[in-house]
Amino acid sequence: MAKTKLDPEEQELLEAYESGEFESDLDADRREYLTRAAEDTFKKDKRINIRISSRDLEALQRRALEEGLPYQTLVSSVLHKYVSGSLKDISANKSGQRKR
């Protein structure tokens, strides 16, 4: 695996981190909350079945292969990002510009 080239500032930060100069300022309650939130994010406790076109499925599988992950994981990630608000539907912003 190739070693990443760091600029001087990044190298300084890495060395400070590795020497233990950084300390967390999270209190126990906040750390517990964040731990729970992270666990809940990755918990997969429900199954869904959907029908999509073979063309879309093939495109999803190709994109997942490019990203180096299973296509179902990619689909789950995209859905999670959309419902959490970090993935926006750009076509929704263009709806006002369409002629009817």
Protein backbone atom coordinates (compact mmCIF):
# COMPACT_ATOMS: atom_id res chain seq x y z
CA MET A 1 0.00 0.00 0.00
CA ALA A 2 1.41 3.40 -1.01
CA LYS A 3 2.21 5.84 1.77
CA THR A 4 0.31 9.13 1.56
CA LYS A 5 2.46 12.23 1.10
CA LEU A 6 1.66 14.76 3.83
CA ASP A 7 2.33 18.47 3.69
CA PRO A 8 4.27 19.96 6.65
CA GLU A 9 1.13 20.99 8.55
CA GLU A 10 -0.44 17.55 8.15
CA GLN A 11 2.81 15.89 9.22
CA GLU A 12 2.95 18.10 12.32
CA LEU A 13 -0.65 17.17 13.23
CA LEU A 14 0.05 13.46 12.69
CA GLU A 15 3.13 13.57 14.89
CA ALA A 16 1.22 15.45 17.61
CA TYR A 17 -1.58 12.88 17.49
CA GLU A 18 0.79 9.92 17.57
CA SER A 19 2.70 11.39 20.54
CA GLY A 20 -0.52 11.70 22.53
CA GLU A 21 -0.74 15.50 22.59
CA PHE A 22 -4.47 15.46 21.80
CA GLU A 23 -7.08 14.75 24.46
CA SER A 24 -10.80 14.29 23.98
CA ASP A 25 -13.05 16.90 25.55
CA LEU A 26 -16.14 14.68 25.38
CA ASP A 27 -17.86 14.07 28.68
CA ALA A 28 -19.19 10.59 29.47
CA ASP A 29 -22.80 11.42 28.53
CA ARG A 30 -21.86 12.86 25.12
CA ARG A 31 -19.52 9.93 24.39
CA GLU A 32 -22.31 7.46 25.27
CA TYR A 33 -24.79 9.35 23.06
CA LEU A 34 -22.39 9.35 20.10
CA THR A 35 -21.56 5.67 20.60
CA ARG A 36 -25.26 4.78 20.61
CA ALA A 37 -25.91 6.92 17.53
CA ALA A 38 -23.07 5.24 15.64
CA GLU A 39 -24.31 1.78 16.59
CA ASP A 40 -27.87 2.64 15.54
CA THR A 41 -26.63 3.98 12.21
CA PHE A 42 -25.06 0.66 11.27
CA LYS A 43 -27.71 -1.61 12.77
CA LYS A 44 -29.54 -3.42 10.03
CA ASP A 45 -32.61 -4.93 11.61
CA LYS A 46 -35.16 -4.70 8.79
CA ARG A 47 -35.35 -6.23 5.34
CA ILE A 48 -37.06 -4.73 2.30
CA ASN A 49 -37.78 -6.02 -1.17
CA ILE A 50 -38.04 -3.63 -4.08
CA ARG A 51 -38.48 -3.98 -7.80
CA ILE A 52 -36.21 -1.89 -10.00
CA SER A 53 -35.26 -2.00 -13.63
CA SER A 54 -32.42 -4.30 -14.62
CA ARG A 55 -30.67 -1.26 -16.09
CA ASP A 56 -30.73 0.54 -12.73
CA LEU A 57 -29.58 -2.57 -10.88
CA GLU A 58 -26.66 -3.05 -13.26
CA ALA A 59 -25.70 0.62 -12.82
CA LEU A 60 -25.84 0.21 -9.03
CA GLN A 61 -23.69 -2.90 -9.21
CA ARG A 62 -21.14 -1.14 -11.44
CA ARG A 63 -20.99 1.88 -9.11
CA ALA A 64 -20.60 -0.39 -6.07
CA LEU A 65 -17.79 -2.26 -7.78
CA GLU A 66 -16.04 1.06 -8.46
CA GLU A 67 -16.44 1.98 -4.78
CA GLY A 68 -15.23 -1.45 -3.65
CA LEU A 69 -18.32 -2.47 -1.68
CA PRO A 70 -21.33 -4.76 -2.09
CA TYR A 71 -24.16 -3.17 -4.06
CA GLN A 72 -26.67 -3.74 -1.25
CA THR A 73 -24.40 -1.78 1.08
CA LEU A 74 -24.27 1.03 -1.47
CA VAL A 75 -28.08 1.07 -1.76
CA SER A 76 -28.43 1.11 2.03
CA SER A 77 -25.90 3.95 2.30
CA VAL A 78 -27.63 6.06 -0.35
CA LEU A 79 -31.01 5.57 1.32
CA HIS A 80 -29.57 6.44 4.73
CA LYS A 81 -27.94 9.61 3.39
CA TYR A 82 -31.18 10.65 1.70
CA VAL A 83 -33.41 10.17 4.76
CA SER A 84 -30.87 11.82 7.07
CA GLY A 85 -30.76 14.89 4.84
CA SER A 86 -27.16 14.65 3.64
CA LEU A 87 -28.18 13.59 0.12
CA LYS A 88 -30.40 16.01 -1.77
CA ASP A 89 -32.65 15.40 -4.76
CA ILE A 90 -31.29 17.94 -7.24
CA SER A 91 -34.20 17.39 -9.59
CA ALA A 92 -36.54 18.74 -6.88
CA ASN A 93 -34.73 22.10 -7.08
CA LYS A 94 -35.22 22.21 -10.84
CA SER A 95 -38.97 21.53 -10.74
CA GLY A 96 -39.75 25.26 -10.74
CA GLN A 97 -37.73 25.68 -13.90
CA ARG A 98 -39.63 23.08 -15.93
CA LYS A 99 -42.31 24.15 -18.33
CA ARG A 100 -45.64 22.45 -17.93
